[in-house]
Amino acid sequence: MMEIKVLRNVFEKNDRAAEQNRELFDRRHITCINLLGGAGSGKTAMLESIVPILSQSLRVGVLEGDLATTRDAERIAALNVPVVQLLTNGGCHLNATLVQHGLEALMQHELDLVIIENVGNPICPANFDLGEHLRMSVLSVTEGDDKPQKYPLLFKAVQAVLITKCDLLPFVDFDIERAKADIRRLNPTAAILRTSSQRGIGIEDVADWLRQIVNERQSLVAAP
């Protein structure tokens, strides 16, 4: 019983912080996206591709989650947008309290969109609410088309799935139609977008999807 109580307390503390984060975003009219995916799936490369496009019409900030080093944050900072590195010191996921600390620095800027790049892990991050409004998961063709079946939570409660590195499809064993069908069984409504950061495939589609989400949320806030 003690283990169950401890686990419940961990989630309750996280959920309280997540609600506080969401209230902050709503008060500042900011849309927050939680970007999920395994290590090497192409999350940072995707941000490098879409952030310059989004920055043409939106004020974008990024929270970069990682176990160690600031290398990903340095890549995003080169895009000339506000970025804060969140280090878990070996932890397998971000939690809402750590995000809260990162927001203290990020909220010094006026923003329309905050993207949280979670730790590269297909399991744990999906269990923790960070205060985001929407989730976007990343599946690389180099990971294999069985990942939606093996890690269903990564695809079940998201609003979009990006299938990345599609320029490598001729060279890997990845049945994209099978992967899409498995995702659809888990999540009938999520947008599924084929992309390649290396070749620029689908990048405008991802940016358009995010822009539309932000505009819709801001329109709702502006409505009487």
C-alpha atoms as a PDB file:
ATOM      1  CA  MET A   1       0.000   0.000   0.000  1.00  0.00           C
ATOM      2  CA  MET A   2       2.856   2.382   0.776  1.00  0.00           C
ATOM      3  CA  GLU A   3       4.177   2.124  -2.822  1.00  0.00           C
ATOM      4  CA  ILE A   4       0.743   2.960  -4.236  1.00  0.00           C
ATOM      5  CA  LYS A   5       0.457   5.969  -1.932  1.00  0.00           C
ATOM      6  CA  VAL A   6       3.878   7.281  -2.935  1.00  0.00           C
ATOM      7  CA  LEU A   7       3.078   6.867  -6.624  1.00  0.00           C
ATOM      8  CA  ARG A   8      -0.254   8.666  -6.186  1.00  0.00           C
ATOM      9  CA  ASN A   9       1.494  11.557  -4.418  1.00  0.00           C
ATOM     10  CA  VAL A  10       3.999  11.891  -7.281  1.00  0.00           C
ATOM     11  CA  PHE A  11       1.240  12.176  -9.882  1.00  0.00           C
ATOM     12  CA  GLU A  12      -0.866  14.509  -7.732  1.00  0.00           C
ATOM     13  CA  LYS A  13       2.062  16.898  -7.281  1.00  0.00           C
ATOM     14  CA  ASN A  14       2.796  16.793 -11.002  1.00  0.00           C
ATOM     15  CA  ASP A  15      -0.846  17.377 -11.951  1.00  0.00           C
ATOM     16  CA  ARG A  16      -1.131  20.398  -9.646  1.00  0.00           C
ATOM     17  CA  ALA A  17       1.945  21.951 -11.256  1.00  0.00           C
ATOM     18  CA  ALA A  18       0.593  21.101 -14.729  1.00  0.00           C
ATOM     19  CA  GLU A  19      -2.656  22.938 -14.014  1.00  0.00           C
ATOM     20  CA  GLN A  20      -0.702  25.960 -12.815  1.00  0.00           C
ATOM     21  CA  ASN A  21       1.357  25.896 -16.028  1.00  0.00           C
ATOM     22  CA  ARG A  22      -1.795  25.678 -18.139  1.00  0.00           C
ATOM     23  CA  GLU A  23      -3.369  28.572 -16.254  1.00  0.00           C
ATOM     24  CA  LEU A  24      -0.243  30.636 -16.951  1.00  0.00           C
ATOM     25  CA  PHE A  25      -0.385  29.797 -20.661  1.00  0.00           C
ATOM     26  CA  ASP A  26      -4.083  30.650 -20.837  1.00  0.00           C
ATOM     27  CA  ARG A  27      -3.596  33.928 -18.973  1.00  0.00           C
ATOM     28  CA  ARG A  28      -0.827  34.925 -21.392  1.00  0.00           C
ATOM     29  CA  HIS A  29      -2.797  33.666 -24.458  1.00  0.00           C
ATOM     30  CA  ILE A  30      -0.052  31.153 -25.266  1.00  0.00           C
ATOM     31  CA  THR A  31      -0.541  27.782 -26.947  1.00  0.00           C
ATOM     32  CA  CYS A  32       1.718  25.022 -25.615  1.00  0.00           C
ATOM     33  CA  ILE A  33       2.693  21.889 -27.552  1.00  0.00           C
ATOM     34  CA  ASN A  34       4.385  18.844 -25.981  1.00  0.00           C
ATOM     35  CA  LEU A  35       6.665  17.179 -28.568  1.00  0.00           C
ATOM     36  CA  LEU A  36       7.177  13.476 -27.800  1.00  0.00           C
ATOM     37  CA  GLY A  37       9.302  10.746 -29.379  1.00  0.00           C
ATOM     38  CA  GLY A  38      12.188   8.354 -28.950  1.00  0.00           C
ATOM     39  CA  ALA A  39      15.858   9.292 -28.965  1.00  0.00           C
ATOM     40  CA  GLY A  40      17.057   9.993 -32.503  1.00  0.00           C
ATOM     41  CA  SER A  41      13.543  10.190 -33.948  1.00  0.00           C
ATOM     42  CA  GLY A  42      14.228  13.683 -35.306  1.00  0.00           C
ATOM     43  CA  LYS A  43      12.486  15.999 -32.835  1.00  0.00           C
ATOM     44  CA  THR A  44      15.215  18.650 -32.698  1.00  0.00           C
ATOM     45  CA  ALA A  45      15.774  18.515 -36.461  1.00  0.00           C
ATOM     46  CA  MET A  46      12.036  19.035 -36.932  1.00  0.00           C
ATOM     47  CA  LEU A  47      12.153  22.110 -34.696  1.00  0.00           C
ATOM     48  CA  GLU A  48      15.093  23.447 -36.679  1.00  0.00           C
ATOM     49  CA  SER A  49      12.948  23.137 -39.814  1.00  0.00           C
ATOM     50  CA  ILE A  50       9.603  24.501 -38.602  1.00  0.00           C
ATOM     51  CA  VAL A  51      10.599  27.216 -36.106  1.00  0.00           C
ATOM     52  CA  PRO A  52      12.004  29.604 -38.772  1.00  0.00           C
ATOM     53  CA  ILE A  53       8.741  29.251 -40.743  1.00  0.00           C
ATOM     54  CA  LEU A  54       6.550  29.745 -37.662  1.00  0.00           C
ATOM     55  CA  SER A  55       8.623  32.729 -36.529  1.00  0.00           C
ATOM     56  CA  GLN A  56       7.548  34.655 -39.605  1.00  0.00           C
ATOM     57  CA  SER A  57       4.071  35.098 -38.110  1.00  0.00           C
ATOM     58  CA  LEU A  58       4.269  33.850 -34.498  1.00  0.00           C
ATOM     59  CA  ARG A  59       6.414  34.543 -31.454  1.00  0.00           C
ATOM     60  CA  VAL A  60       7.871  31.125 -30.616  1.00  0.00           C
ATOM     61  CA  GLY A  61       9.691  29.915 -27.513  1.00  0.00           C
ATOM     62  CA  VAL A  62      11.150  26.469 -26.819  1.00  0.00           C
ATOM     63  CA  LEU A  63      11.794  24.409 -23.700  1.00  0.00           C
ATOM     64  CA  GLU A  64      14.418  21.756 -24.476  1.00  0.00           C
ATOM     65  CA  GLY A  65      14.314  18.613 -22.323  1.00  0.00           C
ATOM     66  CA  ASP A  66      17.322  16.312 -22.100  1.00  0.00           C
ATOM     67  CA  LEU A  67      19.198  14.084 -19.674  1.00  0.00           C
ATOM     68  CA  ALA A  68      22.462  16.017 -20.012  1.00  0.00           C
ATOM     69  CA  THR A  69      24.267  18.686 -22.116  1.00  0.00           C
ATOM     70  CA  THR A  70      22.889  21.861 -23.671  1.00  0.00           C
ATOM     71  CA  ARG A  71      23.573  20.842 -27.269  1.00  0.00           C
ATOM     72  CA  ASP A  72      19.937  20.779 -28.391  1.00  0.00           C
ATOM     73  CA  ALA A  73      19.245  24.165 -26.799  1.00  0.00           C
ATOM     74  CA  GLU A  74      22.284  25.592 -28.598  1.00  0.00           C
ATOM     75  CA  ARG A  75      20.871  24.351 -31.924  1.00  0.00           C
ATOM     76  CA  ILE A  76      17.545  26.066 -31.211  1.00  0.00           C
ATOM     77  CA  ALA A  77      19.186  29.269 -29.923  1.00  0.00           C
ATOM     78  CA  ALA A  78      20.906  29.536 -33.326  1.00  0.00           C
ATOM     79  CA  LEU A  79      17.423  30.107 -34.779  1.00  0.00           C
ATOM     80  CA  ASN A  80      17.205  33.352 -32.787  1.00  0.00           C
ATOM     81  CA  VAL A  81      14.238  32.349 -30.619  1.00  0.00           C
ATOM     82  CA  PRO A  82      13.999  32.209 -26.801  1.00  0.00           C
ATOM     83  CA  VAL A  83      15.024  28.772 -25.494  1.00  0.00           C
ATOM     84  CA  VAL A  84      15.595  27.258 -22.060  1.00  0.00           C
ATOM     85  CA  GLN A  85      17.361  23.929 -21.511  1.00  0.00           C
ATOM     86  CA  LEU A  86      15.723  21.605 -18.962  1.00  0.00           C
ATOM     87  CA  LEU A  87      18.107  18.916 -17.683  1.00  0.00           C
ATOM     88  CA  THR A  88      16.664  15.900 -15.866  1.00  0.00           C
ATOM     89  CA  ASN A  89      20.083  14.657 -14.670  1.00  0.00           C
ATOM     90  CA  GLY A  90      19.336  11.130 -15.827  1.00  0.00           C
ATOM     91  CA  GLY A  91      15.546  11.197 -15.421  1.00  0.00           C
ATOM     92  CA  CYS A  92      13.640   9.600 -18.293  1.00  0.00           C
ATOM     93  CA  HIS A  93      11.020  12.351 -18.696  1.00  0.00           C
ATOM     94  CA  LEU A  94      10.170  15.958 -17.963  1.00  0.00           C
ATOM     95  CA  ASN A  95       7.745  16.752 -15.166  1.00  0.00           C
ATOM     96  CA  ALA A  96       5.491  19.760 -14.723  1.00  0.00           C
ATOM     97  CA  THR A  97       7.533  21.188 -11.837  1.00  0.00           C
ATOM     98  CA  LEU A  98      10.712  21.283 -13.925  1.00  0.00           C
ATOM     99  CA  VAL A  99       8.755  22.911 -16.755  1.00  0.00           C
ATOM    100  CA  GLN A 100       7.496  25.466 -14.221  1.00  0.00           C
ATOM    101  CA  HIS A 101      11.062  26.445 -13.382  1.00  0.00           C
ATOM    102  CA  GLY A 102      11.912  26.780 -17.077  1.00  0.00           C
ATOM    103  CA  LEU A 103       8.906  28.998 -17.675  1.00  0.00           C
ATOM    104  CA  GLU A 104      10.172  31.519 -15.121  1.00  0.00           C
ATOM    105  CA  ALA A 105      12.908  32.396 -17.620  1.00  0.00           C
ATOM    106  CA  LEU A 106      10.947  31.845 -20.832  1.00  0.00           C
ATOM    107  CA  MET A 107       8.009  34.010 -19.744  1.00  0.00           C
ATOM    108  CA  GLN A 108      10.235  37.089 -19.785  1.00  0.00           C
ATOM    109  CA  HIS A 109       9.394  37.113 -23.508  1.00  0.00           C
ATOM    110  CA  GLU A 110       6.047  37.833 -25.169  1.00  0.00           C
ATOM    111  CA  LEU A 111       5.097  34.572 -26.886  1.00  0.00           C
ATOM    112  CA  ASP A 112       2.286  33.030 -28.918  1.00  0.00           C
ATOM    113  CA  LEU A 113       3.567  29.453 -28.971  1.00  0.00           C
ATOM    114  CA  VAL A 114       5.694  27.407 -26.587  1.00  0.00           C
ATOM    115  CA  ILE A 115       7.013  24.050 -27.807  1.00  0.00           C
ATOM    116  CA  ILE A 116       8.325  21.638 -25.185  1.00  0.00           C
ATOM    117  CA  GLU A 117      10.696  19.074 -26.647  1.00  0.00           C
ATOM    118  CA  ASN A 118      10.445  16.221 -24.183  1.00  0.00           C
ATOM    119  CA  VAL A 119      13.203  13.763 -23.323  1.00  0.00           C
ATOM    120  CA  GLY A 120      13.919  11.205 -26.066  1.00  0.00           C
ATOM    121  CA  ASN A 121      11.936   8.286 -24.667  1.00  0.00           C
ATOM    122  CA  PRO A 122       8.879   6.553 -26.189  1.00  0.00           C
ATOM    123  CA  ILE A 123       7.466   5.396 -22.829  1.00  0.00           C
ATOM    124  CA  CYS A 124       7.655   7.584 -19.709  1.00  0.00           C
ATOM    125  CA  PRO A 125       7.040  11.134 -21.055  1.00  0.00           C
ATOM    126  CA  ALA A 126       3.554  10.232 -22.302  1.00  0.00           C
ATOM    127  CA  ASN A 127       2.470   9.535 -18.705  1.00  0.00           C
ATOM    128  CA  PHE A 128       3.113  13.060 -17.426  1.00  0.00           C
ATOM    129  CA  ASP A 129       0.965  16.131 -18.060  1.00  0.00           C
ATOM    130  CA  LEU A 130       3.181  19.214 -18.331  1.00  0.00           C
ATOM    131  CA  GLY A 131       0.377  21.738 -18.722  1.00  0.00           C
ATOM    132  CA  GLU A 132       0.375  21.555 -22.531  1.00  0.00           C
ATOM    133  CA  HIS A 133      -2.736  22.096 -24.635  1.00  0.00           C
ATOM    134  CA  LEU A 134      -1.795  19.580 -27.347  1.00  0.00           C
ATOM    135  CA  ARG A 135       0.631  16.760 -27.983  1.00  0.00           C
ATOM    136  CA  MET A 136       2.582  15.894 -31.098  1.00  0.00           C
ATOM    137  CA  SER A 137       4.486  12.611 -31.371  1.00  0.00           C
ATOM    138  CA  VAL A 138       7.358  11.766 -33.696  1.00  0.00           C
ATOM    139  CA  LEU A 139       7.957   8.356 -35.315  1.00  0.00           C
ATOM    140  CA  SER A 140      11.055   7.888 -37.457  1.00  0.00           C
ATOM    141  CA  VAL A 141      11.041   5.346 -40.280  1.00  0.00           C
ATOM    142  CA  THR A 142      14.394   4.142 -38.932  1.00  0.00           C
ATOM    143  CA  GLU A 143      12.683   3.009 -35.717  1.00  0.00           C
ATOM    144  CA  GLY A 144      10.456   0.408 -37.393  1.00  0.00           C
ATOM    145  CA  ASP A 145       6.760   0.294 -38.238  1.00  0.00           C
ATOM    146  CA  ASP A 146       5.929  -1.789 -35.147  1.00  0.00           C
ATOM    147  CA  LYS A 147       6.347   1.116 -32.715  1.00  0.00           C
ATOM    148  CA  PRO A 148       2.655   2.160 -32.593  1.00  0.00           C
ATOM    149  CA  GLN A 149       1.788  -1.349 -31.396  1.00  0.00           C
ATOM    150  CA  LYS A 150       4.710  -1.533 -28.959  1.00  0.00           C
ATOM    151  CA  TYR A 151       4.286   1.959 -27.476  1.00  0.00           C
ATOM    152  CA  PRO A 152       0.561   2.736 -27.840  1.00  0.00           C
ATOM    153  CA  LEU A 153       0.453   5.550 -25.272  1.00  0.00           C
ATOM    154  CA  LEU A 154       2.867   7.584 -27.399  1.00  0.00           C
ATOM    155  CA  PHE A 155       0.260   7.690 -30.174  1.00  0.00           C
ATOM    156  CA  LYS A 156      -3.052   7.322 -28.350  1.00  0.00           C
ATOM    157  CA  ALA A 157      -3.438  10.710 -26.664  1.00  0.00           C
ATOM    158  CA  VAL A 158      -1.886  13.034 -29.252  1.00  0.00           C
ATOM    159  CA  GLN A 159      -3.318  15.438 -31.791  1.00  0.00           C
ATOM    160  CA  ALA A 160      -0.676  14.856 -34.492  1.00  0.00           C
ATOM    161  CA  VAL A 161       1.871  12.206 -35.463  1.00  0.00           C
ATOM    162  CA  LEU A 162       4.879  13.144 -37.570  1.00  0.00           C
ATOM    163  CA  ILE A 163       6.434  10.270 -39.515  1.00  0.00           C
ATOM    164  CA  THR A 164       9.966  11.566 -39.965  1.00  0.00           C
ATOM    165  CA  LYS A 165      12.982  10.756 -42.167  1.00  0.00           C
ATOM    166  CA  CYS A 166      10.689   9.667 -45.007  1.00  0.00           C
ATOM    167  CA  ASP A 167      13.518  10.287 -47.484  1.00  0.00           C
ATOM    168  CA  LEU A 168      15.004   7.036 -46.104  1.00  0.00           C
ATOM    169  CA  LEU A 169      11.947   4.900 -46.906  1.00  0.00           C
ATOM    170  CA  PRO A 170      13.622   3.221 -49.929  1.00  0.00           C
ATOM    171  CA  PHE A 171      16.467   2.066 -47.687  1.00  0.00           C
ATOM    172  CA  VAL A 172      14.695   0.797 -44.542  1.00  0.00           C
ATOM    173  CA  ASP A 173      12.155  -1.901 -43.710  1.00  0.00           C
ATOM    174  CA  PHE A 174       9.217   0.331 -42.842  1.00  0.00           C
ATOM    175  CA  ASP A 175       5.663  -0.210 -44.110  1.00  0.00           C
ATOM    176  CA  ILE A 176       4.199   3.266 -43.855  1.00  0.00           C
ATOM    177  CA  GLU A 177       0.632   2.142 -44.586  1.00  0.00           C
ATOM    178  CA  ARG A 178       0.847  -0.464 -41.840  1.00  0.00           C
ATOM    179  CA  ALA A 179       2.157   2.150 -39.396  1.00  0.00           C
ATOM    180  CA  LYS A 180      -0.623   4.572 -40.334  1.00  0.00           C
ATOM    181  CA  ALA A 181      -3.265   1.863 -39.925  1.00  0.00           C
ATOM    182  CA  ASP A 182      -1.938   0.978 -36.463  1.00  0.00           C
ATOM    183  CA  ILE A 183      -1.933   4.657 -35.475  1.00  0.00           C
ATOM    184  CA  ARG A 184      -5.491   5.043 -36.766  1.00  0.00           C
ATOM    185  CA  ARG A 185      -6.663   2.095 -34.637  1.00  0.00           C
ATOM    186  CA  LEU A 186      -5.231   3.805 -31.574  1.00  0.00           C
ATOM    187  CA  ASN A 187      -6.181   7.339 -32.534  1.00  0.00           C
ATOM    188  CA  PRO A 188      -8.804   7.879 -35.262  1.00  0.00           C
ATOM    189  CA  THR A 189      -8.606  11.687 -35.229  1.00  0.00           C
ATOM    190  CA  ALA A 190      -4.895  12.579 -35.074  1.00  0.00           C
ATOM    191  CA  ALA A 191      -3.304  14.288 -38.053  1.00  0.00           C
ATOM    192  CA  ILE A 192      -0.641  12.013 -39.607  1.00  0.00           C
ATOM    193  CA  LEU A 193       2.022  13.909 -41.547  1.00  0.00           C
ATOM    194  CA  ARG A 194       4.870  12.451 -43.618  1.00  0.00           C
ATOM    195  CA  THR A 195       8.035  14.520 -43.244  1.00  0.00           C
ATOM    196  CA  SER A 196      11.739  14.761 -43.912  1.00  0.00           C
ATOM    197  CA  SER A 197      13.733  17.572 -42.325  1.00  0.00           C
ATOM    198  CA  GLN A 198      16.682  16.700 -44.555  1.00  0.00           C
ATOM    199  CA  ARG A 199      14.679  17.105 -47.788  1.00  0.00           C
ATOM    200  CA  GLY A 200      12.057  19.589 -46.611  1.00  0.00           C
ATOM    201  CA  ILE A 201       9.217  17.115 -47.169  1.00  0.00           C
ATOM    202  CA  GLY A 202       6.023  17.986 -45.299  1.00  0.00           C
ATOM    203  CA  ILE A 203       7.659  20.773 -43.274  1.00  0.00           C
ATOM    204  CA  GLU A 204       5.231  23.441 -44.515  1.00  0.00           C
ATOM    205  CA  ASP A 205       2.345  21.098 -43.637  1.00  0.00           C
ATOM    206  CA  VAL A 206       3.549  20.788 -40.046  1.00  0.00           C
ATOM    207  CA  ALA A 207       4.013  24.559 -39.754  1.00  0.00           C
ATOM    208  CA  ASP A 208       0.559  25.171 -41.236  1.00  0.00           C
ATOM    209  CA  TRP A 209      -1.020  22.728 -38.784  1.00  0.00           C
ATOM    210  CA  LEU A 210       0.619  24.441 -35.819  1.00  0.00           C
ATOM    211  CA  ARG A 211      -0.270  27.920 -37.105  1.00  0.00           C
ATOM    212  CA  GLN A 212      -3.891  26.878 -37.479  1.00  0.00           C
ATOM    213  CA  ILE A 213      -3.979  25.516 -33.910  1.00  0.00           C
ATOM    214  CA  VAL A 214      -2.518  28.746 -32.503  1.00  0.00           C
ATOM    215  CA  ASN A 215      -4.865  30.949 -34.553  1.00  0.00           C
ATOM    216  CA  GLU A 216      -7.911  28.940 -33.504  1.00  0.00           C
ATOM    217  CA  ARG A 217      -7.008  29.190 -29.831  1.00  0.00           C
ATOM    218  CA  GLN A 218      -6.311  32.908 -30.062  1.00  0.00           C
ATOM    219  CA  SER A 219      -9.634  33.438 -31.851  1.00  0.00           C
ATOM    220  CA  LEU A 220     -11.436  31.675 -29.009  1.00  0.00           C
ATOM    221  CA  VAL A 221      -9.705  33.897 -26.462  1.00  0.00           C
ATOM    222  CA  ALA A 222     -10.577  37.024 -28.443  1.00  0.00           C
ATOM    223  CA  ALA A 223     -14.248  36.059 -28.834  1.00  0.00           C
ATOM    224  CA  PRO A 224     -16.653  37.839 -26.437  1.00  0.00           C
END
